[in-house]
């Protein structure tokens, strides 16, 4: 997941002497990186975390596919790109 990788890149930039956290939870990665999140971004990270969980486990996949419409995907992809670009700008 691109957001997980960019959050780990951010963490590494400011913690060069230590390995990145071996977690996948976006909200926890952001908090461990001392990134100030507003409530909407916290909710978004929590939402994306649930997508990742649902896609990893077969029982959840079927439920996820039921509401993962083209519009749903487009809206979330746009937000993921926006957050990625914001995080990338903070690394440079």
PDB file of N, CA and C in Angstrom:
ATOM      1  N   UNK A   1       0.851  -1.180   0.000  1.00  0.00           N
ATOM      2  CA  UNK A   1       0.000   0.000   0.000  1.00  0.00           C
ATOM      3  C   UNK A   1       0.891   1.236   0.000  1.00  0.00           C
ATOM      4  N   UNK A   2       0.598   2.135  -0.901  1.00  0.00           N
ATOM      5  CA  UNK A   2       1.415   3.334  -1.099  1.00  0.00           C
ATOM      6  C   UNK A   2       1.448   4.220   0.152  1.00  0.00           C
ATOM      7  N   UNK A   3       0.332   4.331   0.852  1.00  0.00           N
ATOM      8  CA  UNK A   3       0.331   5.187   2.051  1.00  0.00           C
ATOM      9  C   UNK A   3       1.197   4.588   3.156  1.00  0.00           C
ATOM     10  N   UNK A   4       1.176   3.290   3.278  1.00  0.00           N
ATOM     11  CA  UNK A   4       2.029   2.639   4.278  1.00  0.00           C
ATOM     12  C   UNK A   4       3.504   2.904   3.963  1.00  0.00           C
ATOM     13  N   UNK A   5       3.867   2.780   2.704  1.00  0.00           N
ATOM     14  CA  UNK A   5       5.272   2.977   2.308  1.00  0.00           C
ATOM     15  C   UNK A   5       5.723   4.429   2.501  1.00  0.00           C
ATOM     16  N   UNK A   6       4.873   5.384   2.152  1.00  0.00           N
ATOM     17  CA  UNK A   6       5.268   6.791   2.306  1.00  0.00           C
ATOM     18  C   UNK A   6       5.336   7.166   3.783  1.00  0.00           C
ATOM     19  N   UNK A   7       4.453   6.602   4.599  1.00  0.00           N
ATOM     20  CA  UNK A   7       4.524   6.864   6.044  1.00  0.00           C
ATOM     21  C   UNK A   7       5.815   6.285   6.633  1.00  0.00           C
ATOM     22  N   UNK A   8       6.204   5.117   6.166  1.00  0.00           N
ATOM     23  CA  UNK A   8       7.459   4.528   6.654  1.00  0.00           C
ATOM     24  C   UNK A   8       8.654   5.335   6.159  1.00  0.00           C
ATOM     25  N   UNK A   9       8.585   5.848   4.933  1.00  0.00           N
ATOM     26  CA  UNK A   9       9.659   6.706   4.414  1.00  0.00           C
ATOM     27  C   UNK A   9       9.777   7.968   5.265  1.00  0.00           C
ATOM     28  N   UNK A  10       8.645   8.553   5.623  1.00  0.00           N
ATOM     29  CA  UNK A  10       8.643   9.739   6.487  1.00  0.00           C
ATOM     30  C   UNK A  10       9.277   9.394   7.832  1.00  0.00           C
ATOM     31  N   UNK A  11       8.884   8.272   8.393  1.00  0.00           N
ATOM     32  CA  UNK A  11       9.416   7.842   9.691  1.00  0.00           C
ATOM     33  C   UNK A  11      10.934   7.678   9.616  1.00  0.00           C
ATOM     34  N   UNK A  12      11.417   7.033   8.557  1.00  0.00           N
ATOM     35  CA  UNK A  12      12.852   6.787   8.387  1.00  0.00           C
ATOM     36  C   UNK A  12      13.616   8.104   8.252  1.00  0.00           C
ATOM     37  N   UNK A  13      13.042   9.073   7.555  1.00  0.00           N
ATOM     38  CA  UNK A  13      13.728  10.355   7.371  1.00  0.00           C
ATOM     39  C   UNK A  13      14.080  11.004   8.716  1.00  0.00           C
ATOM     40  N   UNK A  14      13.217  10.858   9.688  1.00  0.00           N
ATOM     41  CA  UNK A  14      13.429  11.519  10.972  1.00  0.00           C
ATOM     42  C   UNK A  14      13.911  10.576  12.073  1.00  0.00           C
ATOM     43  N   UNK A  15      14.150   9.310  11.725  1.00  0.00           N
ATOM     44  CA  UNK A  15      14.643   8.319  12.690  1.00  0.00           C
ATOM     45  C   UNK A  15      15.689   7.447  12.021  1.00  0.00           C
ATOM     46  N   UNK A  16      16.744   8.044  11.539  1.00  0.00           N
ATOM     47  CA  UNK A  16      17.728   7.333  10.715  1.00  0.00           C
ATOM     48  C   UNK A  16      18.467   6.219  11.441  1.00  0.00           C
ATOM     49  N   UNK A  17      18.587   6.301  12.746  1.00  0.00           N
ATOM     50  CA  UNK A  17      19.379   5.321  13.480  1.00  0.00           C
ATOM     51  C   UNK A  17      18.584   4.083  13.907  1.00  0.00           C
ATOM     52  N   UNK A  18      17.309   4.051  13.556  1.00  0.00           N
ATOM     53  CA  UNK A  18      16.447   2.965  14.017  1.00  0.00           C
ATOM     54  C   UNK A  18      15.639   2.434  12.828  1.00  0.00           C
ATOM     55  N   UNK A  19      15.391   1.126  12.810  1.00  0.00           N
ATOM     56  CA  UNK A  19      14.562   0.551  11.753  1.00  0.00           C
ATOM     57  C   UNK A  19      13.121   1.026  11.886  1.00  0.00           C
ATOM     58  N   UNK A  20      12.442   1.115  10.752  1.00  0.00           N
ATOM     59  CA  UNK A  20      11.051   1.546  10.764  1.00  0.00           C
ATOM     60  C   UNK A  20      10.185   0.552  11.533  1.00  0.00           C
ATOM     61  N   UNK A  21       9.053   1.019  12.035  1.00  0.00           N
ATOM     62  CA  UNK A  21       8.153   0.112  12.754  1.00  0.00           C
ATOM     63  C   UNK A  21       7.637  -0.984  11.821  1.00  0.00           C
ATOM     64  N   UNK A  22       7.552  -2.176  12.311  1.00  0.00           N
ATOM     65  CA  UNK A  22       7.083  -3.307  11.503  1.00  0.00           C
ATOM     66  C   UNK A  22       5.583  -3.496  11.730  1.00  0.00           C
ATOM     67  N   UNK A  23       4.842  -2.456  11.375  1.00  0.00           N
ATOM     68  CA  UNK A  23       3.388  -2.481  11.496  1.00  0.00           C
ATOM     69  C   UNK A  23       2.783  -2.023  10.179  1.00  0.00           C
ATOM     70  N   UNK A  24       1.499  -2.282  10.013  1.00  0.00           N
ATOM     71  CA  UNK A  24       0.812  -1.905   8.780  1.00  0.00           C
ATOM     72  C   UNK A  24      -0.274  -0.861   9.027  1.00  0.00           C
ATOM     73  N   UNK A  25      -0.595  -0.615  10.263  1.00  0.00           N
ATOM     74  CA  UNK A  25      -1.674   0.301  10.616  1.00  0.00           C
ATOM     75  C   UNK A  25      -1.262   1.736  10.308  1.00  0.00           C
ATOM     76  N   UNK A  26      -1.963   2.361   9.370  1.00  0.00           N
ATOM     77  CA  UNK A  26      -1.603   3.710   8.915  1.00  0.00           C
ATOM     78  C   UNK A  26      -1.704   4.738  10.033  1.00  0.00           C
ATOM     79  N   UNK A  27      -2.730   4.645  10.822  1.00  0.00           N
ATOM     80  CA  UNK A  27      -2.925   5.593  11.913  1.00  0.00           C
ATOM     81  C   UNK A  27      -1.791   5.491  12.929  1.00  0.00           C
ATOM     82  N   UNK A  28      -1.410   4.276  13.285  1.00  0.00           N
ATOM     83  CA  UNK A  28      -0.301   4.092  14.226  1.00  0.00           C
ATOM     84  C   UNK A  28       1.027   4.553  13.632  1.00  0.00           C
ATOM     85  N   UNK A  29       1.231   4.293  12.342  1.00  0.00           N
ATOM     86  CA  UNK A  29       2.457   4.765  11.685  1.00  0.00           C
ATOM     87  C   UNK A  29       2.538   6.290  11.715  1.00  0.00           C
ATOM     88  N   UNK A  30       1.420   6.944  11.410  1.00  0.00           N
ATOM     89  CA  UNK A  30       1.402   8.407  11.419  1.00  0.00           C
ATOM     90  C   UNK A  30       1.682   8.939  12.824  1.00  0.00           C
ATOM     91  N   UNK A  31       1.069   8.333  13.818  1.00  0.00           N
ATOM     92  CA  UNK A  31       1.275   8.791  15.201  1.00  0.00           C
ATOM     93  C   UNK A  31       2.722   8.562  15.641  1.00  0.00           C
ATOM     94  N   UNK A  32       3.302   7.404  15.289  1.00  0.00           N
ATOM     95  CA  UNK A  32       4.691   7.132  15.648  1.00  0.00           C
ATOM     96  C   UNK A  32       5.652   8.050  14.903  1.00  0.00           C
ATOM     97  N   UNK A  33       5.200   8.602  13.787  1.00  0.00           N
ATOM     98  CA  UNK A  33       6.022   9.531  13.003  1.00  0.00           C
ATOM     99  C   UNK A  33       5.816  10.970  13.440  1.00  0.00           C
ATOM    100  N   UNK A  34       4.981  11.166  14.443  1.00  0.00           N
ATOM    101  CA  UNK A  34       4.659  12.506  14.965  1.00  0.00           C
ATOM    102  C   UNK A  34       4.039  13.417  13.914  1.00  0.00           C
ATOM    103  N   UNK A  35       3.235  12.841  13.038  1.00  0.00           N
ATOM    104  CA  UNK A  35       2.514  13.626  12.041  1.00  0.00           C
ATOM    105  C   UNK A  35       1.207  14.080  12.685  1.00  0.00           C
ATOM    106  N   UNK A  36       0.973  15.380  12.632  1.00  0.00           N
ATOM    107  CA  UNK A  36      -0.255  15.937  13.191  1.00  0.00           C
ATOM    108  C   UNK A  36      -1.412  15.677  12.228  1.00  0.00           C
ATOM    109  N   UNK A  37      -2.386  14.916  12.683  1.00  0.00           N
ATOM    110  CA  UNK A  37      -3.532  14.576  11.849  1.00  0.00           C
ATOM    111  C   UNK A  37      -4.782  15.253  12.383  1.00  0.00           C
ATOM    112  N   UNK A  38      -5.600  15.750  11.466  1.00  0.00           N
ATOM    113  CA  UNK A  38      -6.896  16.249  11.902  1.00  0.00           C
ATOM    114  C   UNK A  38      -7.854  15.054  11.960  1.00  0.00           C
ATOM    115  N   UNK A  39      -9.031  15.281  12.496  1.00  0.00           N
ATOM    116  CA  UNK A  39      -9.997  14.203  12.663  1.00  0.00           C
ATOM    117  C   UNK A  39     -10.382  13.519  11.360  1.00  0.00           C
ATOM    118  N   UNK A  40     -10.498  14.283  10.281  1.00  0.00           N
ATOM    119  CA  UNK A  40     -10.887  13.713   8.992  1.00  0.00           C
ATOM    120  C   UNK A  40      -9.808  12.771   8.455  1.00  0.00           C
ATOM    121  N   UNK A  41      -8.545  13.164   8.626  1.00  0.00           N
ATOM    122  CA  UNK A  41      -7.459  12.311   8.136  1.00  0.00           C
ATOM    123  C   UNK A  41      -7.338  11.057   9.007  1.00  0.00           C
ATOM    124  N   UNK A  42      -7.556  11.199  10.297  1.00  0.00           N
ATOM    125  CA  UNK A  42      -7.558  10.019  11.172  1.00  0.00           C
ATOM    126  C   UNK A  42      -8.645   9.039  10.724  1.00  0.00           C
ATOM    127  N   UNK A  43      -9.825   9.562  10.437  1.00  0.00           N
ATOM    128  CA  UNK A  43     -10.926   8.715   9.973  1.00  0.00           C
ATOM    129  C   UNK A  43     -10.581   8.054   8.647  1.00  0.00           C
ATOM    130  N   UNK A  44      -9.933   8.803   7.743  1.00  0.00           N
ATOM    131  CA  UNK A  44      -9.568   8.247   6.448  1.00  0.00           C
ATOM    132  C   UNK A  44      -8.548   7.115   6.609  1.00  0.00           C
ATOM    133  N   UNK A  45      -7.529   7.327   7.440  1.00  0.00           N
ATOM    134  CA  UNK A  45      -6.538   6.273   7.671  1.00  0.00           C
ATOM    135  C   UNK A  45      -7.208   5.044   8.271  1.00  0.00           C
ATOM    136  N   UNK A  46      -8.126   5.245   9.184  1.00  0.00           N
ATOM    137  CA  UNK A  46      -8.849   4.135   9.788  1.00  0.00           C
ATOM    138  C   UNK A  46      -9.663   3.385   8.725  1.00  0.00           C
ATOM    139  N   UNK A  47     -10.276   4.126   7.832  1.00  0.00           N
ATOM    140  CA  UNK A  47     -11.065   3.538   6.742  1.00  0.00           C
ATOM    141  C   UNK A  47     -10.168   2.715   5.817  1.00  0.00           C
ATOM    142  N   UNK A  48      -9.015   3.280   5.429  1.00  0.00           N
ATOM    143  CA  UNK A  48      -8.094   2.559   4.544  1.00  0.00           C
ATOM    144  C   UNK A  48      -7.548   1.326   5.255  1.00  0.00           C
ATOM    145  N   UNK A  49      -7.300   1.425   6.558  1.00  0.00           N
ATOM    146  CA  UNK A  49      -6.873   0.242   7.322  1.00  0.00           C
ATOM    147  C   UNK A  49      -7.897  -0.877   7.186  1.00  0.00           C
ATOM    148  N   UNK A  50      -9.174  -0.531   7.239  1.00  0.00           N
ATOM    149  CA  UNK A  50     -10.205  -1.564   7.129  1.00  0.00           C
ATOM    150  C   UNK A  50     -10.211  -2.174   5.727  1.00  0.00           C
ATOM    151  N   UNK A  51      -9.924  -1.382   4.680  1.00  0.00           N
ATOM    152  CA  UNK A  51      -9.831  -1.944   3.328  1.00  0.00           C
ATOM    153  C   UNK A  51      -8.717  -2.982   3.283  1.00  0.00           C
ATOM    154  N   UNK A  52      -7.583  -2.631   3.865  1.00  0.00           N
ATOM    155  CA  UNK A  52      -6.424  -3.527   3.827  1.00  0.00           C
ATOM    156  C   UNK A  52      -6.747  -4.830   4.554  1.00  0.00           C
ATOM    157  N   UNK A  53      -7.434  -4.738   5.683  1.00  0.00           N
ATOM    158  CA  UNK A  53      -7.816  -5.923   6.442  1.00  0.00           C
ATOM    159  C   UNK A  53      -8.786  -6.776   5.629  1.00  0.00           C
ATOM    160  N   UNK A  54      -9.778  -6.116   5.040  1.00  0.00           N
ATOM    161  CA  UNK A  54     -10.791  -6.850   4.297  1.00  0.00           C
ATOM    162  C   UNK A  54     -10.209  -7.533   3.071  1.00  0.00           C
ATOM    163  N   UNK A  55      -9.217  -6.952   2.466  1.00  0.00           N
ATOM    164  CA  UNK A  55      -8.621  -7.539   1.265  1.00  0.00           C
ATOM    165  C   UNK A  55      -7.639  -8.651   1.583  1.00  0.00           C
ATOM    166  N   UNK A  56      -7.162  -8.721   2.811  1.00  0.00           N
ATOM    167  CA  UNK A  56      -6.200  -9.763   3.194  1.00  0.00           C
ATOM    168  C   UNK A  56      -6.874 -11.084   3.537  1.00  0.00           C
ATOM    169  N   UNK A  57      -8.109 -11.020   3.999  1.00  0.00           N
ATOM    170  CA  UNK A  57      -8.769 -12.220   4.495  1.00  0.00           C
ATOM    171  C   UNK A  57      -9.956 -12.590   3.618  1.00  0.00           C
ATOM    172  N   UNK A  58      -9.987 -13.837   3.138  1.00  0.00           N
ATOM    173  CA  UNK A  58     -11.016 -14.269   2.200  1.00  0.00           C
ATOM    174  C   UNK A  58     -12.448 -14.011   2.665  1.00  0.00           C
ATOM    175  N   UNK A  59     -12.751 -14.213   3.943  1.00  0.00           N
ATOM    176  CA  UNK A  59     -14.129 -14.022   4.415  1.00  0.00           C
ATOM    177  C   UNK A  59     -14.573 -12.569   4.237  1.00  0.00           C
ATOM    178  N   UNK A  60     -13.635 -11.643   4.383  1.00  0.00           N
ATOM    179  CA  UNK A  60     -13.973 -10.232   4.270  1.00  0.00           C
ATOM    180  C   UNK A  60     -14.027  -9.765   2.814  1.00  0.00           C
ATOM    181  N   UNK A  61     -13.290 -10.448   1.938  1.00  0.00           N
ATOM    182  CA  UNK A  61     -13.213 -10.012   0.544  1.00  0.00           C
ATOM    183  C   UNK A  61     -14.588  -9.923  -0.104  1.00  0.00           C
ATOM    184  N   UNK A  62     -15.406 -10.942   0.103  1.00  0.00           N
ATOM    185  CA  UNK A  62     -16.725 -10.959  -0.527  1.00  0.00           C
ATOM    186  C   UNK A  62     -17.571  -9.774  -0.058  1.00  0.00           C
ATOM    187  N   UNK A  63     -17.531  -9.470   1.229  1.00  0.00           N
ATOM    188  CA  UNK A  63     -18.277  -8.325   1.761  1.00  0.00           C
ATOM    189  C   UNK A  63     -17.738  -7.025   1.166  1.00  0.00           C
ATOM    190  N   UNK A  64     -16.424  -6.931   1.065  1.00  0.00           N
ATOM    191  CA  UNK A  64     -15.795  -5.728   0.527  1.00  0.00           C
ATOM    192  C   UNK A  64     -16.198  -5.497  -0.933  1.00  0.00           C
ATOM    193  N   UNK A  65     -16.197  -6.557  -1.724  1.00  0.00           N
ATOM    194  CA  UNK A  65     -16.538  -6.433  -3.138  1.00  0.00           C
ATOM    195  C   UNK A  65     -17.967  -5.943  -3.348  1.00  0.00           C
ATOM    196  N   UNK A  66     -18.845  -6.203  -2.394  1.00  0.00           N
ATOM    197  CA  UNK A  66     -20.243  -5.789  -2.529  1.00  0.00           C
ATOM    198  C   UNK A  66     -20.395  -4.268  -2.533  1.00  0.00           C
ATOM    199  N   UNK A  67     -19.567  -3.568  -1.803  1.00  0.00           N
ATOM    200  CA  UNK A  67     -19.707  -2.099  -1.773  1.00  0.00           C
ATOM    201  C   UNK A  67     -18.575  -1.372  -2.486  1.00  0.00           C
ATOM    202  N   UNK A  68     -17.625  -2.097  -3.041  1.00  0.00           N
ATOM    203  CA  UNK A  68     -16.497  -1.476  -3.737  1.00  0.00           C
ATOM    204  C   UNK A  68     -16.862  -1.198  -5.195  1.00  0.00           C
ATOM    205  N   UNK A  69     -17.707  -0.208  -5.404  1.00  0.00           N
ATOM    206  CA  UNK A  69     -18.121   0.171  -6.752  1.00  0.00           C
ATOM    207  C   UNK A  69     -17.031   0.999  -7.428  1.00  0.00           C
ATOM    208  N   UNK A  70     -17.231   1.279  -8.696  1.00  0.00           N
ATOM    209  CA  UNK A  70     -16.279   2.108  -9.439  1.00  0.00           C
ATOM    210  C   UNK A  70     -16.198   3.506  -8.814  1.00  0.00           C
ATOM    211  N   UNK A  71     -17.339   4.065  -8.442  1.00  0.00           N
ATOM    212  CA  UNK A  71     -17.357   5.392  -7.815  1.00  0.00           C
ATOM    213  C   UNK A  71     -16.646   5.374  -6.457  1.00  0.00           C
ATOM    214  N   UNK A  72     -16.897   4.332  -5.678  1.00  0.00           N
ATOM    215  CA  UNK A  72     -16.244   4.151  -4.378  1.00  0.00           C
ATOM    216  C   UNK A  72     -14.723   4.119  -4.565  1.00  0.00           C
ATOM    217  N   UNK A  73     -14.275   3.331  -5.536  1.00  0.00           N
ATOM    218  CA  UNK A  73     -12.835   3.205  -5.798  1.00  0.00           C
ATOM    219  C   UNK A  73     -12.242   4.532  -6.251  1.00  0.00           C
ATOM    220  N   UNK A  74     -12.915   5.228  -7.158  1.00  0.00           N
ATOM    221  CA  UNK A  74     -12.412   6.504  -7.680  1.00  0.00           C
ATOM    222  C   UNK A  74     -12.273   7.532  -6.568  1.00  0.00           C
ATOM    223  N   UNK A  75     -13.295   7.661  -5.726  1.00  0.00           N
ATOM    224  CA  UNK A  75     -13.258   8.631  -4.625  1.00  0.00           C
ATOM    225  C   UNK A  75     -12.123   8.334  -3.655  1.00  0.00           C
ATOM    226  N   UNK A  76     -11.952   7.075  -3.314  1.00  0.00           N
ATOM    227  CA  UNK A  76     -10.899   6.720  -2.365  1.00  0.00           C
ATOM    228  C   UNK A  76      -9.521   6.813  -2.988  1.00  0.00           C
ATOM    229  N   UNK A  77      -9.400   6.466  -4.254  1.00  0.00           N
ATOM    230  CA  UNK A  77      -8.110   6.594  -4.934  1.00  0.00           C
ATOM    231  C   UNK A  77      -7.693   8.064  -5.010  1.00  0.00           C
ATOM    232  N   UNK A  78      -8.636   8.935  -5.328  1.00  0.00           N
ATOM    233  CA  UNK A  78      -8.326  10.373  -5.372  1.00  0.00           C
ATOM    234  C   UNK A  78      -7.812  10.869  -4.027  1.00  0.00           C
ATOM    235  N   UNK A  79      -8.439  10.427  -2.940  1.00  0.00           N
ATOM    236  CA  UNK A  79      -8.028  10.855  -1.598  1.00  0.00           C
ATOM    237  C   UNK A  79      -6.664  10.254  -1.243  1.00  0.00           C
ATOM    238  N   UNK A  80      -6.436   9.008  -1.620  1.00  0.00           N
ATOM    239  CA  UNK A  80      -5.136   8.370  -1.362  1.00  0.00           C
ATOM    240  C   UNK A  80      -4.033   9.140  -2.080  1.00  0.00           C
ATOM    241  N   UNK A  81      -4.263   9.512  -3.328  1.00  0.00           N
ATOM    242  CA  UNK A  81      -3.272  10.280  -4.092  1.00  0.00           C
ATOM    243  C   UNK A  81      -3.012  11.626  -3.425  1.00  0.00           C
ATOM    244  N   UNK A  82      -4.069  12.285  -2.994  1.00  0.00           N
ATOM    245  CA  UNK A  82      -3.935  13.582  -2.325  1.00  0.00           C
ATOM    246  C   UNK A  82      -3.095  13.462  -1.048  1.00  0.00           C
ATOM    247  N   UNK A  83      -3.383  12.475  -0.227  1.00  0.00           N
ATOM    248  CA  UNK A  83      -2.643  12.279   1.029  1.00  0.00           C
ATOM    249  C   UNK A  83      -1.196  11.880   0.725  1.00  0.00           C
ATOM    250  N   UNK A  84      -0.989  11.027  -0.263  1.00  0.00           N
ATOM    251  CA  UNK A  84       0.359  10.625  -0.659  1.00  0.00           C
ATOM    252  C   UNK A  84       1.191  11.847  -1.058  1.00  0.00           C
ATOM    253  N   UNK A  85       0.616  12.703  -1.883  1.00  0.00           N
ATOM    254  CA  UNK A  85       1.341  13.899  -2.337  1.00  0.00           C
ATOM    255  C   UNK A  85       1.663  14.826  -1.163  1.00  0.00           C
ATOM    256  N   UNK A  86       0.739  14.960  -0.229  1.00  0.00           N
ATOM    257  CA  UNK A  86       0.967  15.783   0.956  1.00  0.00           C
ATOM    258  C   UNK A  86       2.128  15.217   1.779  1.00  0.00           C
ATOM    259  N   UNK A  87       2.109  13.915   2.018  1.00  0.00           N
ATOM    260  CA  UNK A  87       3.194  13.286   2.796  1.00  0.00           C
ATOM    261  C   UNK A  87       4.526  13.390   2.058  1.00  0.00           C
ATOM    262  N   UNK A  88       4.499  13.180   0.760  1.00  0.00           N
ATOM    263  CA  UNK A  88       5.721  13.272  -0.039  1.00  0.00           C
ATOM    264  C   UNK A  88       6.307  14.682   0.042  1.00  0.00           C
ATOM    265  N   UNK A  89       5.468  15.705   0.020  1.00  0.00           N
ATOM    266  CA  UNK A  89       5.954  17.082   0.110  1.00  0.00           C
ATOM    267  C   UNK A  89       6.625  17.349   1.455  1.00  0.00           C
ATOM    268  N   UNK A  90       6.199  16.654   2.498  1.00  0.00           N
ATOM    269  CA  UNK A  90       6.807  16.846   3.820  1.00  0.00           C
ATOM    270  C   UNK A  90       8.158  16.141   3.937  1.00  0.00           C
ATOM    271  N   UNK A  91       8.399  15.161   3.084  1.00  0.00           N
ATOM    272  CA  UNK A  91       9.666  14.427   3.113  1.00  0.00           C
ATOM    273  C   UNK A  91      10.751  15.207   2.367  1.00  0.00           C
ATOM    274  N   UNK A  92      10.366  15.885   1.303  1.00  0.00           N
ATOM    275  CA  UNK A  92      11.355  16.567   0.456  1.00  0.00           C
ATOM    276  C   UNK A  92      11.932  17.778   1.125  1.00  0.00           C
TER     277      UNK A  92
END
